[in-house]
Amino acid sequence: MGDILAHESELLGLVKEYLDFAEFEDTLKTFSKECKVKGKPLCKNVGGPLKKDSKSLVIQDKQELDKRISYFKTYLETKGAALSQTTEFLPFYALPFVPNPMVHPSF
């Protein structure tokens, strides 16, 4: 229970952020007002730095994807030779070479 109380401000801030995101304006006003009446502090920085860094996260995700595809391609070329004989796994050998797997009918 002590752990929850130690992070209560952060939890309340997350609830506030969700209500704001989901556009529950009246509920958000009531929630903020009730927190103020009960003396519950709301964490004001919840999501602040994360929102600013969201664009860099997308870039990092793209870099991670490229890195993982490279590892996958290396695996298929070296240790995955036995799997190439299995029709079930054959489409995955094309995966590193498909520009956009999300729109490709095989994937």
PDB file of N, CA and C in Angstrom:
ATOM      1  N   MET A   1       0.829  -1.192   0.000  1.00  0.00           N
ATOM      2  CA  MET A   1       0.000   0.000   0.000  1.00  0.00           C
ATOM      3  C   MET A   1       0.874   1.257   0.000  1.00  0.00           C
ATOM      4  N   GLY A   2       2.016   1.178   0.691  1.00  0.00           N
ATOM      5  CA  GLY A   2       2.917   2.320   0.736  1.00  0.00           C
ATOM      6  C   GLY A   2       3.442   2.696  -0.633  1.00  0.00           C
ATOM      7  N   ASP A   3       3.677   1.689  -1.469  1.00  0.00           N
ATOM      8  CA  ASP A   3       4.168   1.961  -2.821  1.00  0.00           C
ATOM      9  C   ASP A   3       3.141   2.739  -3.629  1.00  0.00           C
ATOM     10  N   ILE A   4       1.879   2.391  -3.455  1.00  0.00           N
ATOM     11  CA  ILE A   4       0.818   3.083  -4.192  1.00  0.00           C
ATOM     12  C   ILE A   4       0.735   4.532  -3.745  1.00  0.00           C
ATOM     13  N   LEU A   5       0.796   4.762  -2.435  1.00  0.00           N
ATOM     14  CA  LEU A   5       0.721   6.125  -1.928  1.00  0.00           C
ATOM     15  C   LEU A   5       1.924   6.954  -2.357  1.00  0.00           C
ATOM     16  N   ALA A   6       3.061   6.318  -2.488  1.00  0.00           N
ATOM     17  CA  ALA A   6       4.261   7.033  -2.917  1.00  0.00           C
ATOM     18  C   ALA A   6       4.128   7.545  -4.342  1.00  0.00           C
ATOM     19  N   HIS A   7       3.354   6.879  -5.138  1.00  0.00           N
ATOM     20  CA  HIS A   7       3.190   7.255  -6.550  1.00  0.00           C
ATOM     21  C   HIS A   7       1.782   7.775  -6.838  1.00  0.00           C
ATOM     22  N   GLU A   8       1.066   8.155  -5.793  1.00  0.00           N
ATOM     23  CA  GLU A   8      -0.319   8.593  -5.967  1.00  0.00           C
ATOM     24  C   GLU A   8      -0.430   9.796  -6.902  1.00  0.00           C
ATOM     25  N   SER A   9       0.451  10.758  -6.749  1.00  0.00           N
ATOM     26  CA  SER A   9       0.416  11.944  -7.591  1.00  0.00           C
ATOM     27  C   SER A   9       0.586  11.573  -9.062  1.00  0.00           C
ATOM     28  N   GLU A  10       1.502  10.659  -9.325  1.00  0.00           N
ATOM     29  CA  GLU A  10       1.733  10.222 -10.702  1.00  0.00           C
ATOM     30  C   GLU A  10       0.520   9.475 -11.252  1.00  0.00           C
ATOM     31  N   LEU A  11      -0.084   8.618 -10.432  1.00  0.00           N
ATOM     32  CA  LEU A  11      -1.273   7.877 -10.866  1.00  0.00           C
ATOM     33  C   LEU A  11      -2.430   8.822 -11.158  1.00  0.00           C
ATOM     34  N   LEU A  12      -2.625   9.793 -10.285  1.00  0.00           N
ATOM     35  CA  LEU A  12      -3.690  10.766 -10.512  1.00  0.00           C
ATOM     36  C   LEU A  12      -3.411  11.573 -11.781  1.00  0.00           C
ATOM     37  N   GLY A  13      -2.143  11.879 -12.022  1.00  0.00           N
ATOM     38  CA  GLY A  13      -1.768  12.588 -13.244  1.00  0.00           C
ATOM     39  C   GLY A  13      -2.058  11.771 -14.491  1.00  0.00           C
ATOM     40  N   LEU A  14      -1.839  10.462 -14.398  1.00  0.00           N
ATOM     41  CA  LEU A  14      -2.146   9.583 -15.534  1.00  0.00           C
ATOM     42  C   LEU A  14      -3.642   9.536 -15.809  1.00  0.00           C
ATOM     43  N   VAL A  15      -4.433   9.490 -14.737  1.00  0.00           N
ATOM     44  CA  VAL A  15      -5.894   9.503 -14.907  1.00  0.00           C
ATOM     45  C   VAL A  15      -6.313  10.810 -15.559  1.00  0.00           C
ATOM     46  N   LYS A  16      -5.730  11.911 -15.084  1.00  0.00           N
ATOM     47  CA  LYS A  16      -6.044  13.222 -15.659  1.00  0.00           C
ATOM     48  C   LYS A  16      -5.673  13.265 -17.143  1.00  0.00           C
ATOM     49  N   GLU A  17      -4.490  12.747 -17.467  1.00  0.00           N
ATOM     50  CA  GLU A  17      -4.045  12.729 -18.861  1.00  0.00           C
ATOM     51  C   GLU A  17      -4.983  11.893 -19.732  1.00  0.00           C
ATOM     52  N   TYR A  18      -5.439  10.747 -19.205  1.00  0.00           N
ATOM     53  CA  TYR A  18      -6.355   9.903 -19.969  1.00  0.00           C
ATOM     54  C   TYR A  18      -7.681  10.621 -20.206  1.00  0.00           C
ATOM     55  N   LEU A  19      -8.213  11.233 -19.157  1.00  0.00           N
ATOM     56  CA  LEU A  19      -9.487  11.943 -19.302  1.00  0.00           C
ATOM     57  C   LEU A  19      -9.364  13.062 -20.329  1.00  0.00           C
ATOM     58  N   ASP A  20      -8.223  13.731 -20.339  1.00  0.00           N
ATOM     59  CA  ASP A  20      -7.975  14.782 -21.321  1.00  0.00           C
ATOM     60  C   ASP A  20      -7.880  14.187 -22.725  1.00  0.00           C
ATOM     61  N   PHE A  21      -7.142  13.081 -22.863  1.00  0.00           N
ATOM     62  CA  PHE A  21      -6.983  12.417 -24.156  1.00  0.00           C
ATOM     63  C   PHE A  21      -8.321  11.927 -24.706  1.00  0.00           C
ATOM     64  N   ALA A  22      -9.143  11.345 -23.827  1.00  0.00           N
ATOM     65  CA  ALA A  22     -10.425  10.784 -24.253  1.00  0.00           C
ATOM     66  C   ALA A  22     -11.513  11.850 -24.383  1.00  0.00           C
ATOM     67  N   GLU A  23     -11.143  13.104 -24.125  1.00  0.00           N
ATOM     68  CA  GLU A  23     -12.048  14.249 -24.251  1.00  0.00           C
ATOM     69  C   GLU A  23     -13.254  14.161 -23.323  1.00  0.00           C
ATOM     70  N   PHE A  24     -13.023  13.673 -22.099  1.00  0.00           N
ATOM     71  CA  PHE A  24     -14.049  13.682 -21.060  1.00  0.00           C
ATOM     72  C   PHE A  24     -13.913  14.999 -20.293  1.00  0.00           C
ATOM     73  N   GLU A  25     -14.295  16.096 -20.941  1.00  0.00           N
ATOM     74  CA  GLU A  25     -14.047  17.416 -20.388  1.00  0.00           C
ATOM     75  C   GLU A  25     -14.740  17.644 -19.052  1.00  0.00           C
ATOM     76  N   ASP A  26     -16.024  17.301 -18.972  1.00  0.00           N
ATOM     77  CA  ASP A  26     -16.754  17.504 -17.716  1.00  0.00           C
ATOM     78  C   ASP A  26     -16.185  16.624 -16.609  1.00  0.00           C
ATOM     79  N   THR A  27     -15.882  15.384 -16.947  1.00  0.00           N
ATOM     80  CA  THR A  27     -15.309  14.459 -15.964  1.00  0.00           C
ATOM     81  C   THR A  27     -13.940  14.956 -15.518  1.00  0.00           C
ATOM     82  N   LEU A  28     -13.165  15.489 -16.444  1.00  0.00           N
ATOM     83  CA  LEU A  28     -11.839  16.018 -16.119  1.00  0.00           C
ATOM     84  C   LEU A  28     -11.943  17.202 -15.163  1.00  0.00           C
ATOM     85  N   LYS A  29     -12.891  18.103 -15.435  1.00  0.00           N
ATOM     86  CA  LYS A  29     -13.086  19.253 -14.541  1.00  0.00           C
ATOM     87  C   LYS A  29     -13.480  18.785 -13.148  1.00  0.00           C
ATOM     88  N   THR A  30     -14.413  17.832 -13.088  1.00  0.00           N
ATOM     89  CA  THR A  30     -14.865  17.303 -11.801  1.00  0.00           C
ATOM     90  C   THR A  30     -13.727  16.591 -11.082  1.00  0.00           C
ATOM     91  N   PHE A  31     -12.960  15.803 -11.819  1.00  0.00           N
ATOM     92  CA  PHE A  31     -11.836  15.070 -11.238  1.00  0.00           C
ATOM     93  C   PHE A  31     -10.797  16.034 -10.664  1.00  0.00           C
ATOM     94  N   SER A  32     -10.443  17.050 -11.439  1.00  0.00           N
ATOM     95  CA  SER A  32      -9.451  18.030 -10.978  1.00  0.00           C
ATOM     96  C   SER A  32      -9.950  18.780  -9.755  1.00  0.00           C
ATOM     97  N   LYS A  33     -11.223  19.159  -9.792  1.00  0.00           N
ATOM     98  CA  LYS A  33     -11.832  19.881  -8.671  1.00  0.00           C
ATOM     99  C   LYS A  33     -11.844  19.010  -7.418  1.00  0.00           C
ATOM    100  N   GLU A  34     -12.229  17.751  -7.570  1.00  0.00           N
ATOM    101  CA  GLU A  34     -12.294  16.835  -6.432  1.00  0.00           C
ATOM    102  C   GLU A  34     -10.897  16.562  -5.859  1.00  0.00           C
ATOM    103  N   CYS A  35      -9.905  16.435  -6.721  1.00  0.00           N
ATOM    104  CA  CYS A  35      -8.528  16.243  -6.242  1.00  0.00           C
ATOM    105  C   CYS A  35      -8.075  17.452  -5.429  1.00  0.00           C
ATOM    106  N   LYS A  36      -8.441  18.650  -5.903  1.00  0.00           N
ATOM    107  CA  LYS A  36      -8.062  19.872  -5.199  1.00  0.00           C
ATOM    108  C   LYS A  36      -8.750  19.945  -3.837  1.00  0.00           C
ATOM    109  N   VAL A  37     -10.052  19.589  -3.791  1.00  0.00           N
ATOM    110  CA  VAL A  37     -10.813  19.617  -2.541  1.00  0.00           C
ATOM    111  C   VAL A  37     -10.237  18.626  -1.533  1.00  0.00           C
ATOM    112  N   LYS A  38      -9.841  17.445  -2.006  1.00  0.00           N
ATOM    113  CA  LYS A  38      -9.307  16.409  -1.115  1.00  0.00           C
ATOM    114  C   LYS A  38      -7.826  16.604  -0.811  1.00  0.00           C
ATOM    115  N   GLY A  39      -7.224  17.609  -1.436  1.00  0.00           N
ATOM    116  CA  GLY A  39      -5.809  17.870  -1.192  1.00  0.00           C
ATOM    117  C   GLY A  39      -4.882  16.862  -1.848  1.00  0.00           C
ATOM    118  N   LYS A  40      -5.358  16.241  -2.901  1.00  0.00           N
ATOM    119  CA  LYS A  40      -4.544  15.265  -3.641  1.00  0.00           C
ATOM    120  C   LYS A  40      -3.764  16.007  -4.722  1.00  0.00           C
ATOM    121  N   PRO A  41      -2.448  15.946  -4.667  1.00  0.00           N
ATOM    122  CA  PRO A  41      -1.655  16.661  -5.681  1.00  0.00           C
ATOM    123  C   PRO A  41      -1.660  15.921  -7.016  1.00  0.00           C
ATOM    124  N   LEU A  42      -1.842  16.675  -8.075  1.00  0.00           N
ATOM    125  CA  LEU A  42      -1.787  16.107  -9.425  1.00  0.00           C
ATOM    126  C   LEU A  42      -0.403  16.355  -9.998  1.00  0.00           C
ATOM    127  N   CYS A  43       0.189  15.316 -10.520  1.00  0.00           N
ATOM    128  CA  CYS A  43       1.500  15.436 -11.154  1.00  0.00           C
ATOM    129  C   CYS A  43       1.306  16.199 -12.459  1.00  0.00           C
ATOM    130  N   LYS A  44       1.967  17.331 -12.588  1.00  0.00           N
ATOM    131  CA  LYS A  44       1.768  18.178 -13.771  1.00  0.00           C
ATOM    132  C   LYS A  44       2.631  17.767 -14.955  1.00  0.00           C
ATOM    133  N   ASN A  45       3.662  16.987 -14.706  1.00  0.00           N
ATOM    134  CA  ASN A  45       4.605  16.644 -15.771  1.00  0.00           C
ATOM    135  C   ASN A  45       4.342  15.294 -16.407  1.00  0.00           C
ATOM    136  N   VAL A  46       3.216  14.678 -16.130  1.00  0.00           N
ATOM    137  CA  VAL A  46       2.943  13.361 -16.698  1.00  0.00           C
ATOM    138  C   VAL A  46       2.855  13.480 -18.210  1.00  0.00           C
ATOM    139  N   GLY A  47       3.686  12.747 -18.886  1.00  0.00           N
ATOM    140  CA  GLY A  47       3.671  12.735 -20.342  1.00  0.00           C
ATOM    141  C   GLY A  47       4.320  13.938 -20.984  1.00  0.00           C
ATOM    142  N   GLY A  48       4.714  14.932 -20.204  1.00  0.00           N
ATOM    143  CA  GLY A  48       5.304  16.140 -20.763  1.00  0.00           C
ATOM    144  C   GLY A  48       6.512  15.864 -21.629  1.00  0.00           C
ATOM    145  N   PRO A  49       7.585  15.349 -21.042  1.00  0.00           N
ATOM    146  CA  PRO A  49       8.776  15.080 -21.850  1.00  0.00           C
ATOM    147  C   PRO A  49       8.535  14.008 -22.904  1.00  0.00           C
ATOM    148  N   LEU A  50       7.651  13.073 -22.601  1.00  0.00           N
ATOM    149  CA  LEU A  50       7.379  12.008 -23.568  1.00  0.00           C
ATOM    150  C   LEU A  50       6.701  12.554 -24.811  1.00  0.00           C
ATOM    151  N   LYS A  51       5.800  13.494 -24.633  1.00  0.00           N
ATOM    152  CA  LYS A  51       5.125  14.072 -25.785  1.00  0.00           C
ATOM    153  C   LYS A  51       6.122  14.807 -26.674  1.00  0.00           C
ATOM    154  N   LYS A  52       7.081  15.484 -26.055  1.00  0.00           N
ATOM    155  CA  LYS A  52       8.087  16.214 -26.828  1.00  0.00           C
ATOM    156  C   LYS A  52       8.994  15.260 -27.592  1.00  0.00           C
ATOM    157  N   ASP A  53       9.251  14.112 -27.005  1.00  0.00           N
ATOM    158  CA  ASP A  53      10.172  13.155 -27.606  1.00  0.00           C
ATOM    159  C   ASP A  53       9.484  12.139 -28.513  1.00  0.00           C
ATOM    160  N   SER A  54       8.188  12.277 -28.735  1.00  0.00           N
ATOM    161  CA  SER A  54       7.470  11.262 -29.502  1.00  0.00           C
ATOM    162  C   SER A  54       7.991  11.138 -30.932  1.00  0.00           C
ATOM    163  N   LYS A  55       8.391  12.237 -31.531  1.00  0.00           N
ATOM    164  CA  LYS A  55       8.928  12.172 -32.894  1.00  0.00           C
ATOM    165  C   LYS A  55      10.251  11.426 -32.921  1.00  0.00           C
ATOM    166  N   SER A  56      11.086  11.647 -31.922  1.00  0.00           N
ATOM    167  CA  SER A  56      12.363  10.935 -31.894  1.00  0.00           C
ATOM    168  C   SER A  56      12.141   9.455 -31.638  1.00  0.00           C
ATOM    169  N   LEU A  57      11.066   9.102 -30.909  1.00  0.00           N
ATOM    170  CA  LEU A  57      10.761   7.692 -30.684  1.00  0.00           C
ATOM    171  C   LEU A  57      10.385   7.000 -31.984  1.00  0.00           C
ATOM    172  N   VAL A  58       9.663   7.690 -32.845  1.00  0.00           N
ATOM    173  CA  VAL A  58       9.300   7.119 -34.143  1.00  0.00           C
ATOM    174  C   VAL A  58      10.562   6.847 -34.953  1.00  0.00           C
ATOM    175  N   ILE A  59      11.497   7.776 -34.913  1.00  0.00           N
ATOM    176  CA  ILE A  59      12.757   7.590 -35.636  1.00  0.00           C
ATOM    177  C   ILE A  59      13.532   6.418 -35.050  1.00  0.00           C
ATOM    178  N   GLN A  60      13.555   6.333 -33.718  1.00  0.00           N
ATOM    179  CA  GLN A  60      14.251   5.227 -33.067  1.00  0.00           C
ATOM    180  C   GLN A  60      13.592   3.898 -33.410  1.00  0.00           C
ATOM    181  N   ASP A  61      12.249   3.874 -33.452  1.00  0.00           N
ATOM    182  CA  ASP A  61      11.544   2.649 -33.822  1.00  0.00           C
ATOM    183  C   ASP A  61      11.926   2.215 -35.230  1.00  0.00           C
ATOM    184  N   LYS A  62      12.017   3.167 -36.146  1.00  0.00           N
ATOM    185  CA  LYS A  62      12.398   2.865 -37.522  1.00  0.00           C
ATOM    186  C   LYS A  62      13.816   2.303 -37.569  1.00  0.00           C
ATOM    187  N   GLN A  63      14.713   2.901 -36.780  1.00  0.00           N
ATOM    188  CA  GLN A  63      16.091   2.411 -36.734  1.00  0.00           C
ATOM    189  C   GLN A  63      16.139   1.010 -36.141  1.00  0.00           C
ATOM    190  N   GLU A  64      15.350   0.772 -35.101  1.00  0.00           N
ATOM    191  CA  GLU A  64      15.297  -0.556 -34.491  1.00  0.00           C
ATOM    192  C   GLU A  64      14.747  -1.577 -35.482  1.00  0.00           C
ATOM    193  N   LEU A  65      13.722  -1.183 -36.238  1.00  0.00           N
ATOM    194  CA  LEU A  65      13.147  -2.080 -37.238  1.00  0.00           C
ATOM    195  C   LEU A  65      14.203  -2.462 -38.270  1.00  0.00           C
ATOM    196  N   ASP A  66      14.913  -1.470 -38.770  1.00  0.00           N
ATOM    197  CA  ASP A  66      15.959  -1.744 -39.761  1.00  0.00           C
ATOM    198  C   ASP A  66      17.023  -2.675 -39.187  1.00  0.00           C
ATOM    199  N   LYS A  67      17.385  -2.440 -37.945  1.00  0.00           N
ATOM    200  CA  LYS A  67      18.400  -3.264 -37.284  1.00  0.00           C
ATOM    201  C   LYS A  67      17.906  -4.703 -37.124  1.00  0.00           C
ATOM    202  N   ARG A  68      16.667  -4.859 -36.709  1.00  0.00           N
ATOM    203  CA  ARG A  68      16.117  -6.204 -36.503  1.00  0.00           C
ATOM    204  C   ARG A  68      15.926  -6.943 -37.819  1.00  0.00           C
ATOM    205  N   ILE A  69      15.490  -6.233 -38.843  1.00  0.00           N
ATOM    206  CA  ILE A  69      15.354  -6.858 -40.162  1.00  0.00           C
ATOM    207  C   ILE A  69      16.720  -7.329 -40.639  1.00  0.00           C
ATOM    208  N   SER A  70      17.750  -6.544 -40.376  1.00  0.00           N
ATOM    209  CA  SER A  70      19.107  -6.932 -40.757  1.00  0.00           C
ATOM    210  C   SER A  70      19.536  -8.206 -40.032  1.00  0.00           C
ATOM    211  N   TYR A  71      19.256  -8.271 -38.716  1.00  0.00           N
ATOM    212  CA  TYR A  71      19.571  -9.486 -37.953  1.00  0.00           C
ATOM    213  C   TYR A  71      18.789 -10.686 -38.483  1.00  0.00           C
ATOM    214  N   PHE A  72      17.518 -10.457 -38.794  1.00  0.00           N
ATOM    215  CA  PHE A  72      16.667 -11.527 -39.308  1.00  0.00           C
ATOM    216  C   PHE A  72      17.201 -12.029 -40.649  1.00  0.00           C
ATOM    217  N   LYS A  73      17.587 -11.089 -41.499  1.00  0.00           N
ATOM    218  CA  LYS A  73      18.136 -11.448 -42.811  1.00  0.00           C
ATOM    219  C   LYS A  73      19.418 -12.268 -42.646  1.00  0.00           C
ATOM    220  N   THR A  74      20.282 -11.847 -41.729  1.00  0.00           N
ATOM    221  CA  THR A  74      21.522 -12.582 -41.459  1.00  0.00           C
ATOM    222  C   THR A  74      21.215 -13.987 -40.968  1.00  0.00           C
ATOM    223  N   TYR A  75      20.233 -14.103 -40.084  1.00  0.00           N
ATOM    224  CA  TYR A  75      19.847 -15.420 -39.575  1.00  0.00           C
ATOM    225  C   TYR A  75      19.357 -16.316 -40.709  1.00  0.00           C
ATOM    226  N   LEU A  76      18.489 -15.765 -41.549  1.00  0.00           N
ATOM    227  CA  LEU A  76      17.957 -16.561 -42.652  1.00  0.00           C
ATOM    228  C   LEU A  76      19.065 -17.014 -43.601  1.00  0.00           C
ATOM    229  N   GLU A  77      20.048 -16.159 -43.809  1.00  0.00           N
ATOM    230  CA  GLU A  77      21.138 -16.494 -44.726  1.00  0.00           C
ATOM    231  C   GLU A  77      22.134 -17.483 -44.130  1.00  0.00           C
ATOM    232  N   THR A  78      22.220 -17.553 -42.813  1.00  0.00           N
ATOM    233  CA  THR A  78      23.219 -18.430 -42.182  1.00  0.00           C
ATOM    234  C   THR A  78      22.575 -19.658 -41.549  1.00  0.00           C
ATOM    235  N   LYS A  79      21.916 -19.473 -40.441  1.00  0.00           N
ATOM    236  CA  LYS A  79      21.393 -20.607 -39.675  1.00  0.00           C
ATOM    237  C   LYS A  79      20.010 -21.068 -40.122  1.00  0.00           C
ATOM    238  N   GLY A  80      19.352 -20.289 -40.933  1.00  0.00           N
ATOM    239  CA  GLY A  80      17.994 -20.623 -41.326  1.00  0.00           C
ATOM    240  C   GLY A  80      17.876 -21.421 -42.604  1.00  0.00           C
ATOM    241  N   ALA A  81      18.961 -21.972 -43.079  1.00  0.00           N
ATOM    242  CA  ALA A  81      18.943 -22.711 -44.348  1.00  0.00           C
ATOM    243  C   ALA A  81      17.991 -23.895 -44.306  1.00  0.00           C
ATOM    244  N   ALA A  82      17.909 -24.577 -43.185  1.00  0.00           N
ATOM    245  CA  ALA A  82      17.026 -25.743 -43.069  1.00  0.00           C
ATOM    246  C   ALA A  82      15.559 -25.337 -43.183  1.00  0.00           C
ATOM    247  N   LEU A  83      15.231 -24.154 -42.678  1.00  0.00           N
ATOM    248  CA  LEU A  83      13.841 -23.694 -42.742  1.00  0.00           C
ATOM    249  C   LEU A  83      13.416 -23.333 -44.161  1.00  0.00           C
ATOM    250  N   SER A  84      14.374 -23.036 -45.020  1.00  0.00           N
ATOM    251  CA  SER A  84      14.025 -22.651 -46.387  1.00  0.00           C
ATOM    252  C   SER A  84      13.405 -23.806 -47.165  1.00  0.00           C
ATOM    253  N   GLN A  85      13.572 -25.012 -46.670  1.00  0.00           N
ATOM    254  CA  GLN A  85      12.991 -26.180 -47.325  1.00  0.00           C
ATOM    255  C   GLN A  85      11.542 -26.407 -46.895  1.00  0.00           C
ATOM    256  N   THR A  86      11.082 -25.672 -45.899  1.00  0.00           N
ATOM    257  CA  THR A  86       9.725 -25.815 -45.382  1.00  0.00           C
ATOM    258  C   THR A  86       8.826 -24.766 -46.025  1.00  0.00           C
ATOM    259  N   THR A  87       7.766 -25.215 -46.675  1.00  0.00           N
ATOM    260  CA  THR A  87       6.878 -24.274 -47.368  1.00  0.00           C
ATOM    261  C   THR A  87       6.188 -23.322 -46.393  1.00  0.00           C
ATOM    262  N   GLU A  88       6.007 -23.761 -45.173  1.00  0.00           N
ATOM    263  CA  GLU A  88       5.350 -22.922 -44.166  1.00  0.00           C
ATOM    264  C   GLU A  88       6.151 -21.646 -43.880  1.00  0.00           C
ATOM    265  N   PHE A  89       7.481 -21.749 -43.890  1.00  0.00           N
ATOM    266  CA  PHE A  89       8.341 -20.621 -43.561  1.00  0.00           C
ATOM    267  C   PHE A  89       8.892 -19.894 -44.783  1.00  0.00           C
ATOM    268  N   LEU A  90       8.653 -20.408 -45.949  1.00  0.00           N
ATOM    269  CA  LEU A  90       9.220 -19.843 -47.170  1.00  0.00           C
ATOM    270  C   LEU A  90       8.893 -18.357 -47.375  1.00  0.00           C
ATOM    271  N   PRO A  91       7.650 -17.903 -47.138  1.00  0.00           N
ATOM    272  CA  PRO A  91       7.358 -16.475 -47.334  1.00  0.00           C
ATOM    273  C   PRO A  91       8.203 -15.549 -46.455  1.00  0.00           C
ATOM    274  N   PHE A  92       8.629 -16.033 -45.296  1.00  0.00           N
ATOM    275  CA  PHE A  92       9.416 -15.190 -44.399  1.00  0.00           C
ATOM    276  C   PHE A  92      10.800 -14.887 -44.961  1.00  0.00           C
ATOM    277  N   TYR A  93      11.260 -15.677 -45.901  1.00  0.00           N
ATOM    278  CA  TYR A  93      12.552 -15.412 -46.523  1.00  0.00           C
ATOM    279  C   TYR A  93      12.493 -14.172 -47.410  1.00  0.00           C
ATOM    280  N   ALA A  94      11.306 -13.795 -47.845  1.00  0.00           N
ATOM    281  CA  ALA A  94      11.149 -12.589 -48.655  1.00  0.00           C
ATOM    282  C   ALA A  94      10.954 -11.348 -47.788  1.00  0.00           C
ATOM    283  N   LEU A  95      10.633 -11.540 -46.519  1.00  0.00           N
ATOM    284  CA  LEU A  95      10.317 -10.428 -45.623  1.00  0.00           C
ATOM    285  C   LEU A  95      11.367  -9.314 -45.599  1.00  0.00           C
ATOM    286  N   PRO A  96      12.654  -9.609 -45.494  1.00  0.00           N
ATOM    287  CA  PRO A  96      13.632  -8.505 -45.474  1.00  0.00           C
ATOM    288  C   PRO A  96      13.698  -7.705 -46.772  1.00  0.00           C
ATOM    289  N   PHE A  97      13.154  -8.252 -47.848  1.00  0.00           N
ATOM    290  CA  PHE A  97      13.246  -7.584 -49.140  1.00  0.00           C
ATOM    291  C   PHE A  97      11.944  -6.900 -49.552  1.00  0.00           C
ATOM    292  N   VAL A  98      10.874  -7.086 -48.773  1.00  0.00           N
ATOM    293  CA  VAL A  98       9.584  -6.470 -49.078  1.00  0.00           C
ATOM    294  C   VAL A  98       9.585  -5.054 -48.502  1.00  0.00           C
ATOM    295  N   PRO A  99       9.342  -4.032 -49.341  1.00  0.00           N
ATOM    296  CA  PRO A  99       9.398  -2.649 -48.860  1.00  0.00           C
ATOM    297  C   PRO A  99       8.387  -2.341 -47.749  1.00  0.00           C
ATOM    298  N   ASN A 100       7.157  -2.816 -47.888  1.00  0.00           N
ATOM    299  CA  ASN A 100       6.134  -2.538 -46.884  1.00  0.00           C
ATOM    300  C   ASN A 100       5.341  -3.809 -46.604  1.00  0.00           C
ATOM    301  N   PRO A 101       5.764  -4.619 -45.655  1.00  0.00           N
ATOM    302  CA  PRO A 101       5.092  -5.893 -45.384  1.00  0.00           C
ATOM    303  C   PRO A 101       3.636  -5.746 -44.943  1.00  0.00           C
ATOM    304  N   MET A 102       3.282  -4.582 -44.386  1.00  0.00           N
ATOM    305  CA  MET A 102       1.916  -4.379 -43.889  1.00  0.00           C
ATOM    306  C   MET A 102       0.882  -4.422 -45.017  1.00  0.00           C
ATOM    307  N   VAL A 103       1.274  -4.054 -46.224  1.00  0.00           N
ATOM    308  CA  VAL A 103       0.334  -4.046 -47.342  1.00  0.00           C
ATOM    309  C   VAL A 103       0.542  -5.220 -48.288  1.00  0.00           C
ATOM    310  N   HIS A 104       1.546  -6.012 -48.027  1.00  0.00           N
ATOM    311  CA  HIS A 104       1.837  -7.165 -48.884  1.00  0.00           C
ATOM    312  C   HIS A 104       0.853  -8.294 -48.556  1.00  0.00           C
ATOM    313  N   PRO A 105       0.242  -8.934 -49.561  1.00  0.00           N
ATOM    314  CA  PRO A 105      -0.770  -9.965 -49.310  1.00  0.00           C
ATOM    315  C   PRO A 105      -0.246 -11.194 -48.560  1.00  0.00           C
ATOM    316  N   SER A 106       1.030 -11.487 -48.657  1.00  0.00           N
ATOM    317  CA  SER A 106       1.573 -12.664 -47.965  1.00  0.00           C
ATOM    318  C   SER A 106       1.700 -12.452 -46.464  1.00  0.00           C
ATOM    319  N   PHE A 107       1.737 -11.197 -46.041  1.00  0.00           N
ATOM    320  CA  PHE A 107       1.950 -10.913 -44.633  1.00  0.00           C
ATOM    321  C   PHE A 107       0.754 -10.222 -44.042  1.00  0.00           C
TER     322      PHE A 107
END
